[in-house]
Amino acid sequence: METGSARDTGGARAGTDTPGWTGLPPGLLRMRRLLLVVWLGLLAVAAGLLPGLLAGPGWAAFALLPLALMAWGWTLLGRNWRSWRYAERADDLLISRGVLWRSETVVPYGRMQLVEVTSGPVERHFGLASVQLHTAAAATDATIPGLDPREAERLRDRLTELGEARSAGL
């Protein structure tokens, strides 16, 4: 289940089951910002150097556009990173994300079919892993990116255990 406009109430939700929210580690923010600087930095050099050499030094001002995008992206990445959080409750896992369009995904433990930990080459270099939850619903986007690998494995094991216990009664 997903809601497109979940409101943040500081961790307190209506009902008796108040989640303890966990944010993402800062390593994910560092990785994303480094990638931003590398790619837009290369673009700024290319956008400034090539026109500057071929058409004159005044055309090197084209490098300012990628640099402005880099500054804007730096801020947006920080806001996006702060918006991601997850909470393990008694019967389900909550994943909340988004700055302008808030989204909260609720994944009942009994509906989980597969919990996997993935880590690409860049994530491995930064010591990060992602947990992805697969359910019967194809539209469920239940991924928690940028976790410490030990935390990702702990979460996978716990969610798998809870999922098996909850689905045994089905």
N, C-alpha and C. Protein backbone atom coordinates (compact mmCIF):
# COMPACT_ATOMS: atom_id res chain seq x y z
N MET A 1 0.84 -1.18 0.00
CA MET A 1 0.00 0.00 0.00
C MET A 1 0.88 1.23 0.00
N GLU A 2 0.47 2.23 -0.74
CA GLU A 2 1.26 3.44 -0.79
C GLU A 2 0.32 4.63 -0.72
N THR A 3 0.75 5.65 0.00
CA THR A 3 -0.02 6.88 0.04
C THR A 3 0.83 7.98 -0.51
N GLY A 4 0.27 8.80 -1.34
CA GLY A 4 1.04 9.84 -2.00
C GLY A 4 1.23 11.08 -1.17
N SER A 5 0.53 11.23 -0.05
CA SER A 5 0.66 12.46 0.72
C SER A 5 0.72 12.17 2.21
N ALA A 6 1.61 11.29 2.60
CA ALA A 6 1.76 10.99 4.02
C ALA A 6 2.39 12.20 4.71
N ARG A 7 1.86 12.53 5.88
CA ARG A 7 2.38 13.68 6.61
C ARG A 7 3.30 13.23 7.71
N ASP A 8 4.37 13.99 7.92
CA ASP A 8 5.31 13.68 8.98
C ASP A 8 4.79 14.28 10.27
N THR A 9 4.61 13.43 11.26
CA THR A 9 4.13 13.91 12.55
C THR A 9 5.18 13.68 13.62
N GLY A 10 6.45 13.71 13.21
CA GLY A 10 7.53 13.57 14.17
C GLY A 10 7.62 12.17 14.75
N GLY A 11 7.18 11.17 14.02
CA GLY A 11 7.28 9.80 14.48
C GLY A 11 6.01 9.31 15.16
N ALA A 12 5.12 10.19 15.53
CA ALA A 12 3.88 9.78 16.21
C ALA A 12 2.79 9.61 15.17
N ARG A 13 2.16 8.46 15.16
CA ARG A 13 1.07 8.16 14.24
C ARG A 13 -0.17 7.87 15.07
N ALA A 14 -1.30 8.00 14.41
CA ALA A 14 -2.55 7.67 15.09
C ALA A 14 -2.56 6.17 15.37
N GLY A 15 -3.07 5.78 16.49
CA GLY A 15 -3.12 4.37 16.83
C GLY A 15 -2.14 4.07 17.95
N THR A 16 -2.01 2.79 18.25
CA THR A 16 -1.19 2.39 19.38
C THR A 16 0.23 2.03 18.99
N ASP A 17 0.47 1.78 17.71
CA ASP A 17 1.78 1.32 17.27
C ASP A 17 2.60 2.48 16.71
N THR A 18 3.37 3.15 17.57
CA THR A 18 4.17 4.29 17.16
C THR A 18 5.52 3.79 16.63
N PRO A 19 5.84 4.10 15.35
CA PRO A 19 7.09 3.59 14.80
C PRO A 19 8.30 4.36 15.31
N GLY A 20 9.42 3.66 15.41
CA GLY A 20 10.70 4.29 15.70
C GLY A 20 11.44 4.45 14.38
N TRP A 21 11.44 5.64 13.84
CA TRP A 21 12.01 5.88 12.51
C TRP A 21 13.53 5.80 12.55
N THR A 22 14.11 5.24 11.49
CA THR A 22 15.55 5.15 11.31
C THR A 22 15.89 5.82 9.99
N GLY A 23 16.80 6.79 10.02
CA GLY A 23 17.23 7.47 8.81
C GLY A 23 18.34 6.70 8.11
N LEU A 24 18.69 7.16 6.93
CA LEU A 24 19.76 6.52 6.18
C LEU A 24 21.11 7.03 6.65
N PRO A 25 22.14 6.19 6.56
CA PRO A 25 23.48 6.63 6.98
C PRO A 25 24.04 7.70 6.06
N PRO A 26 24.96 8.54 6.57
CA PRO A 26 25.51 9.63 5.76
C PRO A 26 26.37 9.17 4.59
N GLY A 27 26.79 7.91 4.58
CA GLY A 27 27.61 7.41 3.47
C GLY A 27 26.89 7.50 2.14
N LEU A 28 25.58 7.32 2.13
CA LEU A 28 24.82 7.42 0.89
C LEU A 28 24.85 8.84 0.35
N LEU A 29 24.71 9.82 1.23
CA LEU A 29 24.78 11.22 0.82
C LEU A 29 26.16 11.56 0.26
N ARG A 30 27.21 11.09 0.93
CA ARG A 30 28.58 11.33 0.44
C ARG A 30 28.77 10.73 -0.94
N MET A 31 28.30 9.50 -1.14
CA MET A 31 28.46 8.83 -2.44
C MET A 31 27.73 9.61 -3.53
N ARG A 32 26.49 9.98 -3.28
CA ARG A 32 25.72 10.69 -4.30
C ARG A 32 26.30 12.06 -4.60
N ARG A 33 26.78 12.75 -3.59
CA ARG A 33 27.39 14.07 -3.84
C ARG A 33 28.70 13.95 -4.59
N LEU A 34 29.48 12.92 -4.28
CA LEU A 34 30.73 12.72 -5.01
C LEU A 34 30.44 12.43 -6.48
N LEU A 35 29.46 11.59 -6.75
CA LEU A 35 29.09 11.31 -8.14
C LEU A 35 28.61 12.57 -8.85
N LEU A 36 27.85 13.41 -8.15
CA LEU A 36 27.38 14.67 -8.72
C LEU A 36 28.56 15.56 -9.09
N VAL A 37 29.52 15.70 -8.18
CA VAL A 37 30.68 16.56 -8.42
C VAL A 37 31.52 16.01 -9.57
N VAL A 38 31.73 14.71 -9.60
CA VAL A 38 32.55 14.12 -10.67
C VAL A 38 31.91 14.34 -12.03
N TRP A 39 30.63 13.97 -12.17
CA TRP A 39 30.00 14.06 -13.48
C TRP A 39 29.76 15.50 -13.93
N LEU A 40 29.24 16.34 -13.05
CA LEU A 40 29.02 17.72 -13.46
C LEU A 40 30.33 18.51 -13.52
N GLY A 41 31.33 18.10 -12.75
CA GLY A 41 32.65 18.73 -12.85
C GLY A 41 33.27 18.45 -14.21
N LEU A 42 33.17 17.20 -14.67
CA LEU A 42 33.68 16.87 -16.01
C LEU A 42 32.91 17.62 -17.09
N LEU A 43 31.60 17.73 -16.90
CA LEU A 43 30.79 18.47 -17.87
C LEU A 43 31.16 19.95 -17.87
N ALA A 44 31.44 20.51 -16.70
CA ALA A 44 31.83 21.93 -16.62
C ALA A 44 33.16 22.17 -17.31
N VAL A 45 34.10 21.25 -17.13
CA VAL A 45 35.40 21.39 -17.79
C VAL A 45 35.22 21.31 -19.30
N ALA A 46 34.43 20.33 -19.76
CA ALA A 46 34.20 20.19 -21.20
C ALA A 46 33.44 21.39 -21.76
N ALA A 47 32.43 21.87 -21.03
CA ALA A 47 31.62 23.00 -21.51
C ALA A 47 32.40 24.30 -21.50
N GLY A 48 33.40 24.41 -20.66
CA GLY A 48 34.20 25.63 -20.61
C GLY A 48 35.45 25.56 -21.47
N LEU A 49 36.08 24.40 -21.49
CA LEU A 49 37.35 24.26 -22.20
C LEU A 49 37.18 24.24 -23.72
N LEU A 50 36.27 23.42 -24.20
CA LEU A 50 36.11 23.30 -25.64
C LEU A 50 35.67 24.61 -26.30
N PRO A 51 34.59 25.26 -25.85
CA PRO A 51 34.24 26.54 -26.47
C PRO A 51 35.31 27.61 -26.24
N GLY A 52 35.96 27.56 -25.08
CA GLY A 52 36.99 28.55 -24.78
C GLY A 52 38.18 28.43 -25.72
N LEU A 53 38.56 27.21 -26.05
CA LEU A 53 39.70 27.01 -26.96
C LEU A 53 39.31 27.24 -28.42
N LEU A 54 38.10 26.84 -28.78
CA LEU A 54 37.70 26.91 -30.18
C LEU A 54 37.13 28.27 -30.59
N ALA A 55 36.38 28.93 -29.70
CA ALA A 55 35.69 30.15 -30.10
C ALA A 55 36.17 31.39 -29.34
N GLY A 56 36.98 31.25 -28.35
CA GLY A 56 37.47 32.40 -27.60
C GLY A 56 37.14 32.27 -26.12
N PRO A 57 37.88 33.03 -25.29
CA PRO A 57 37.72 32.89 -23.84
C PRO A 57 36.34 33.29 -23.32
N GLY A 58 35.63 34.14 -23.99
CA GLY A 58 34.30 34.54 -23.54
C GLY A 58 33.32 33.38 -23.53
N TRP A 59 33.51 32.44 -24.44
CA TRP A 59 32.61 31.29 -24.53
C TRP A 59 32.84 30.28 -23.41
N ALA A 60 33.91 30.45 -22.66
CA ALA A 60 34.17 29.55 -21.53
C ALA A 60 33.14 29.73 -20.42
N ALA A 61 32.35 30.79 -20.51
CA ALA A 61 31.30 31.01 -19.51
C ALA A 61 30.23 29.92 -19.54
N PHE A 62 30.21 29.12 -20.60
CA PHE A 62 29.28 28.00 -20.64
C PHE A 62 29.52 27.01 -19.50
N ALA A 63 30.70 27.07 -18.90
CA ALA A 63 31.00 26.18 -17.77
C ALA A 63 30.18 26.56 -16.53
N LEU A 64 29.63 27.77 -16.50
CA LEU A 64 28.87 28.20 -15.33
C LEU A 64 27.56 27.43 -15.18
N LEU A 65 26.97 27.00 -16.28
CA LEU A 65 25.70 26.27 -16.20
C LEU A 65 25.86 24.94 -15.44
N PRO A 66 26.82 24.08 -15.80
CA PRO A 66 26.99 22.85 -15.01
C PRO A 66 27.38 23.13 -13.56
N LEU A 67 28.13 24.21 -13.31
CA LEU A 67 28.50 24.54 -11.94
C LEU A 67 27.28 24.98 -11.13
N ALA A 68 26.37 25.73 -11.77
CA ALA A 68 25.13 26.12 -11.09
C ALA A 68 24.26 24.89 -10.82
N LEU A 69 24.20 23.97 -11.79
CA LEU A 69 23.46 22.72 -11.58
C LEU A 69 24.07 21.91 -10.44
N MET A 70 25.38 21.95 -10.32
CA MET A 70 26.05 21.22 -9.25
C MET A 70 25.65 21.79 -7.88
N ALA A 71 25.62 23.09 -7.75
CA ALA A 71 25.24 23.72 -6.48
C ALA A 71 23.78 23.40 -6.14
N TRP A 72 22.91 23.47 -7.13
CA TRP A 72 21.50 23.17 -6.92
C TRP A 72 21.32 21.69 -6.57
N GLY A 73 22.00 20.81 -7.30
CA GLY A 73 21.93 19.38 -7.04
C GLY A 73 22.46 19.01 -5.66
N TRP A 74 23.51 19.70 -5.21
CA TRP A 74 24.08 19.45 -3.88
C TRP A 74 23.01 19.63 -2.80
N THR A 75 22.27 20.73 -2.92
CA THR A 75 21.20 21.02 -1.96
C THR A 75 20.07 20.01 -2.06
N LEU A 76 19.65 19.69 -3.29
CA LEU A 76 18.55 18.74 -3.48
C LEU A 76 18.91 17.35 -2.97
N LEU A 77 20.15 16.93 -3.17
CA LEU A 77 20.56 15.61 -2.67
C LEU A 77 20.47 15.55 -1.15
N GLY A 78 20.85 16.63 -0.48
CA GLY A 78 20.77 16.66 0.98
C GLY A 78 19.33 16.58 1.46
N ARG A 79 18.44 17.31 0.81
CA ARG A 79 17.02 17.27 1.20
C ARG A 79 16.43 15.89 0.95
N ASN A 80 16.77 15.29 -0.20
CA ASN A 80 16.25 13.97 -0.52
C ASN A 80 16.76 12.92 0.47
N TRP A 81 18.04 12.98 0.82
CA TRP A 81 18.63 12.03 1.77
C TRP A 81 17.94 12.12 3.13
N ARG A 82 17.68 13.35 3.59
CA ARG A 82 17.01 13.52 4.88
C ARG A 82 15.57 13.01 4.87
N SER A 83 14.94 12.96 3.70
CA SER A 83 13.54 12.54 3.63
C SER A 83 13.37 11.02 3.74
N TRP A 84 14.41 10.25 3.47
CA TRP A 84 14.31 8.79 3.51
C TRP A 84 14.41 8.30 4.94
N ARG A 85 13.49 7.40 5.32
CA ARG A 85 13.55 6.76 6.63
C ARG A 85 12.68 5.51 6.59
N TYR A 86 12.94 4.63 7.54
CA TYR A 86 12.14 3.42 7.63
C TYR A 86 11.89 3.08 9.09
N ALA A 87 10.84 2.29 9.32
CA ALA A 87 10.47 1.90 10.68
C ALA A 87 9.96 0.46 10.67
N GLU A 88 10.47 -0.31 11.59
CA GLU A 88 10.00 -1.69 11.76
C GLU A 88 8.93 -1.67 12.85
N ARG A 89 7.72 -2.10 12.49
CA ARG A 89 6.64 -2.17 13.46
C ARG A 89 6.32 -3.64 13.73
N ALA A 90 5.33 -3.88 14.56
CA ALA A 90 4.98 -5.25 14.93
C ALA A 90 4.50 -6.07 13.74
N ASP A 91 3.71 -5.48 12.84
CA ASP A 91 3.11 -6.23 11.74
C ASP A 91 3.58 -5.83 10.35
N ASP A 92 4.32 -4.72 10.24
CA ASP A 92 4.72 -4.25 8.92
C ASP A 92 5.97 -3.38 8.98
N LEU A 93 6.47 -3.10 7.80
CA LEU A 93 7.62 -2.21 7.64
C LEU A 93 7.14 -0.96 6.92
N LEU A 94 7.50 0.20 7.45
CA LEU A 94 7.15 1.48 6.81
C LEU A 94 8.39 2.05 6.15
N ILE A 95 8.23 2.56 4.95
CA ILE A 95 9.31 3.26 4.26
C ILE A 95 8.74 4.60 3.81
N SER A 96 9.36 5.68 4.26
CA SER A 96 8.88 7.03 3.95
C SER A 96 9.98 7.76 3.19
N ARG A 97 9.57 8.50 2.15
CA ARG A 97 10.55 9.22 1.34
C ARG A 97 9.85 10.36 0.60
N GLY A 98 10.65 11.28 0.09
CA GLY A 98 10.13 12.34 -0.75
C GLY A 98 10.15 13.69 -0.08
N VAL A 99 10.42 14.71 -0.86
CA VAL A 99 10.46 16.08 -0.37
C VAL A 99 9.18 16.80 -0.79
N LEU A 100 8.96 16.94 -2.07
CA LEU A 100 7.73 17.60 -2.54
C LEU A 100 6.56 16.64 -2.52
N TRP A 101 6.75 15.45 -3.07
CA TRP A 101 5.73 14.42 -3.07
C TRP A 101 6.14 13.35 -2.08
N ARG A 102 5.56 13.43 -0.89
CA ARG A 102 5.85 12.46 0.16
C ARG A 102 5.19 11.14 -0.19
N SER A 103 5.90 10.07 0.04
CA SER A 103 5.36 8.75 -0.20
C SER A 103 5.70 7.86 0.98
N GLU A 104 4.71 7.14 1.43
CA GLU A 104 4.93 6.21 2.54
C GLU A 104 4.44 4.84 2.09
N THR A 105 5.34 3.88 2.09
CA THR A 105 5.02 2.53 1.69
C THR A 105 4.90 1.67 2.94
N VAL A 106 3.82 0.92 3.03
CA VAL A 106 3.59 0.01 4.15
C VAL A 106 3.64 -1.41 3.59
N VAL A 107 4.59 -2.21 4.06
CA VAL A 107 4.73 -3.58 3.59
C VAL A 107 4.45 -4.53 4.75
N PRO A 108 3.29 -5.20 4.74
CA PRO A 108 3.01 -6.17 5.80
C PRO A 108 3.99 -7.35 5.71
N TYR A 109 4.49 -7.80 6.85
CA TYR A 109 5.47 -8.89 6.86
C TYR A 109 4.92 -10.14 6.19
N GLY A 110 3.64 -10.43 6.37
CA GLY A 110 3.05 -11.63 5.80
C GLY A 110 2.93 -11.60 4.28
N ARG A 111 3.07 -10.43 3.66
CA ARG A 111 2.96 -10.30 2.21
C ARG A 111 4.32 -10.34 1.50
N MET A 112 5.40 -10.35 2.26
CA MET A 112 6.73 -10.36 1.65
C MET A 112 7.01 -11.72 1.05
N GLN A 113 7.48 -11.73 -0.19
CA GLN A 113 7.84 -12.97 -0.85
C GLN A 113 9.36 -13.15 -0.90
N LEU A 114 10.08 -12.05 -1.01
CA LEU A 114 11.52 -12.11 -1.14
C LEU A 114 12.12 -10.82 -0.58
N VAL A 115 13.19 -10.96 0.18
CA VAL A 115 13.93 -9.81 0.67
C VAL A 115 15.37 -10.01 0.22
N GLU A 116 15.88 -9.07 -0.58
CA GLU A 116 17.24 -9.24 -1.08
C GLU A 116 18.10 -8.03 -0.76
N VAL A 117 19.38 -8.30 -0.59
CA VAL A 117 20.38 -7.26 -0.36
C VAL A 117 21.22 -7.17 -1.62
N THR A 118 21.31 -5.97 -2.19
CA THR A 118 22.11 -5.76 -3.39
C THR A 118 23.13 -4.67 -3.12
N SER A 119 24.24 -4.76 -3.86
CA SER A 119 25.29 -3.77 -3.72
C SER A 119 26.09 -3.75 -5.02
N GLY A 120 25.95 -2.67 -5.77
CA GLY A 120 26.69 -2.52 -7.02
C GLY A 120 28.14 -2.12 -6.75
N PRO A 121 28.93 -1.98 -7.78
CA PRO A 121 30.35 -1.68 -7.58
C PRO A 121 30.61 -0.34 -6.88
N VAL A 122 29.83 0.68 -7.21
CA VAL A 122 30.03 1.98 -6.55
C VAL A 122 29.59 1.90 -5.09
N GLU A 123 28.45 1.23 -4.84
CA GLU A 123 27.99 1.06 -3.47
C GLU A 123 29.01 0.27 -2.65
N ARG A 124 29.55 -0.80 -3.22
CA ARG A 124 30.55 -1.59 -2.49
C ARG A 124 31.77 -0.76 -2.16
N HIS A 125 32.19 0.11 -3.09
CA HIS A 125 33.35 0.96 -2.84
C HIS A 125 33.12 1.88 -1.63
N PHE A 126 31.89 2.32 -1.47
CA PHE A 126 31.55 3.21 -0.35
C PHE A 126 31.04 2.44 0.88
N GLY A 127 31.04 1.12 0.81
CA GLY A 127 30.59 0.31 1.93
C GLY A 127 29.11 0.41 2.18
N LEU A 128 28.31 0.37 1.11
CA LEU A 128 26.86 0.51 1.21
C LEU A 128 26.15 -0.68 0.56
N ALA A 129 24.93 -0.90 0.95
CA ALA A 129 24.09 -1.94 0.36
C ALA A 129 22.64 -1.47 0.40
N SER A 130 21.81 -2.05 -0.45
CA SER A 130 20.38 -1.73 -0.49
C SER A 130 19.57 -2.97 -0.17
N VAL A 131 18.45 -2.76 0.50
CA VAL A 131 17.51 -3.84 0.79
C VAL A 131 16.29 -3.62 -0.09
N GLN A 132 15.92 -4.65 -0.83
CA GLN A 132 14.74 -4.56 -1.69
C GLN A 132 13.75 -5.63 -1.27
N LEU A 133 12.49 -5.22 -1.10
CA LEU A 133 11.42 -6.11 -0.69
C LEU A 133 10.53 -6.40 -1.89
N HIS A 134 10.26 -7.67 -2.13
CA HIS A 134 9.38 -8.07 -3.21
C HIS A 134 8.11 -8.65 -2.61
N THR A 135 6.98 -8.18 -3.10
CA THR A 135 5.68 -8.68 -2.66
C THR A 135 4.90 -9.14 -3.89
N ALA A 136 3.71 -9.64 -3.66
CA ALA A 136 2.86 -10.07 -4.77
C ALA A 136 2.40 -8.89 -5.62
N ALA A 137 2.31 -7.71 -5.02
CA ALA A 137 1.89 -6.51 -5.75
C ALA A 137 3.06 -5.97 -6.57
N ALA A 138 2.87 -5.88 -7.86
CA ALA A 138 3.94 -5.42 -8.74
C ALA A 138 4.27 -3.95 -8.54
N ALA A 139 3.33 -3.16 -8.04
CA ALA A 139 3.53 -1.72 -7.90
C ALA A 139 4.27 -1.34 -6.63
N THR A 140 4.55 -2.28 -5.74
CA THR A 140 5.21 -1.95 -4.49
C THR A 140 6.67 -1.61 -4.74
N ASP A 141 7.04 -0.40 -4.41
CA ASP A 141 8.42 0.05 -4.53
C ASP A 141 9.00 0.11 -3.13
N ALA A 142 9.44 -1.02 -2.65
CA ALA A 142 9.94 -1.08 -1.29
C ALA A 142 11.44 -1.35 -1.32
N THR A 143 12.20 -0.28 -1.38
CA THR A 143 13.65 -0.36 -1.39
C THR A 143 14.19 0.60 -0.34
N ILE A 144 15.18 0.15 0.40
CA ILE A 144 15.87 1.02 1.35
C ILE A 144 17.32 1.09 0.88
N PRO A 145 17.73 2.22 0.28
CA PRO A 145 19.08 2.32 -0.26
C PRO A 145 20.10 2.78 0.77
N GLY A 146 21.37 2.52 0.47
CA GLY A 146 22.47 3.13 1.20
C GLY A 146 22.67 2.70 2.63
N LEU A 147 22.33 1.46 2.96
CA LEU A 147 22.54 0.99 4.33
C LEU A 147 23.94 0.41 4.49
N ASP A 148 24.40 0.36 5.72
CA ASP A 148 25.62 -0.36 6.04
C ASP A 148 25.35 -1.84 5.74
N PRO A 149 26.28 -2.57 5.11
CA PRO A 149 26.01 -3.96 4.76
C PRO A 149 25.58 -4.84 5.95
N ARG A 150 26.15 -4.60 7.12
CA ARG A 150 25.74 -5.40 8.29
C ARG A 150 24.29 -5.10 8.67
N GLU A 151 23.90 -3.83 8.61
CA GLU A 151 22.51 -3.46 8.90
C GLU A 151 21.58 -4.02 7.84
N ALA A 152 22.00 -4.00 6.57
CA ALA A 152 21.18 -4.55 5.49
C ALA A 152 20.97 -6.05 5.69
N GLU A 153 22.01 -6.77 6.07
CA GLU A 153 21.88 -8.21 6.31
C GLU A 153 21.00 -8.48 7.53
N ARG A 154 21.17 -7.69 8.59
CA ARG A 154 20.34 -7.85 9.79
C ARG A 154 18.88 -7.62 9.44
N LEU A 155 18.61 -6.55 8.67
CA LEU A 155 17.24 -6.24 8.28
C LEU A 155 16.67 -7.34 7.40
N ARG A 156 17.46 -7.84 6.45
CA ARG A 156 16.99 -8.93 5.59
C ARG A 156 16.63 -10.17 6.42
N ASP A 157 17.51 -10.54 7.34
CA ASP A 157 17.25 -11.72 8.17
C ASP A 157 16.01 -11.53 9.04
N ARG A 158 15.88 -10.35 9.63
CA ARG A 158 14.73 -10.09 10.50
C ARG A 158 13.43 -10.07 9.70
N LEU A 159 13.44 -9.41 8.54
CA LEU A 159 12.24 -9.34 7.73
C LEU A 159 11.86 -10.71 7.18
N THR A 160 12.85 -11.51 6.80
CA THR A 160 12.58 -12.85 6.32
C THR A 160 11.97 -13.70 7.43
N GLU A 161 12.53 -13.60 8.63
CA GLU A 161 12.00 -14.34 9.77
C GLU A 161 10.57 -13.92 10.09
N LEU A 162 10.33 -12.62 10.13
CA LEU A 162 8.97 -12.13 10.42
C LEU A 162 8.01 -12.50 9.30
N GLY A 163 8.47 -12.44 8.07
CA GLY A 163 7.61 -12.80 6.94
C GLY A 163 7.21 -14.26 6.97
N GLU A 164 8.15 -15.14 7.31
CA GLU A 164 7.83 -16.56 7.40
C GLU A 164 6.86 -16.83 8.55
N ALA A 165 7.05 -16.15 9.67
CA ALA A 165 6.17 -16.34 10.82
C ALA A 165 4.75 -15.84 10.52
N ARG A 166 4.63 -14.70 9.82
CA ARG A 166 3.32 -14.12 9.53
C ARG A 166 2.59 -14.88 8.43
N SER A 167 3.33 -15.42 7.46
CA SER A 167 2.67 -16.10 6.34
C SER A 167 2.34 -17.54 6.66
N ALA A 168 2.82 -18.07 7.78
CA ALA A 168 2.54 -19.46 8.14
C ALA A 168 1.05 -19.69 8.34
N GLY A 169 0.32 -18.68 8.77
CA GLY A 169 -1.11 -18.82 9.02
C GLY A 169 -1.96 -18.68 7.77
N LEU A 170 -1.37 -18.32 6.64
CA LEU A 170 -2.16 -18.12 5.41
C LEU A 170 -2.51 -19.44 4.75
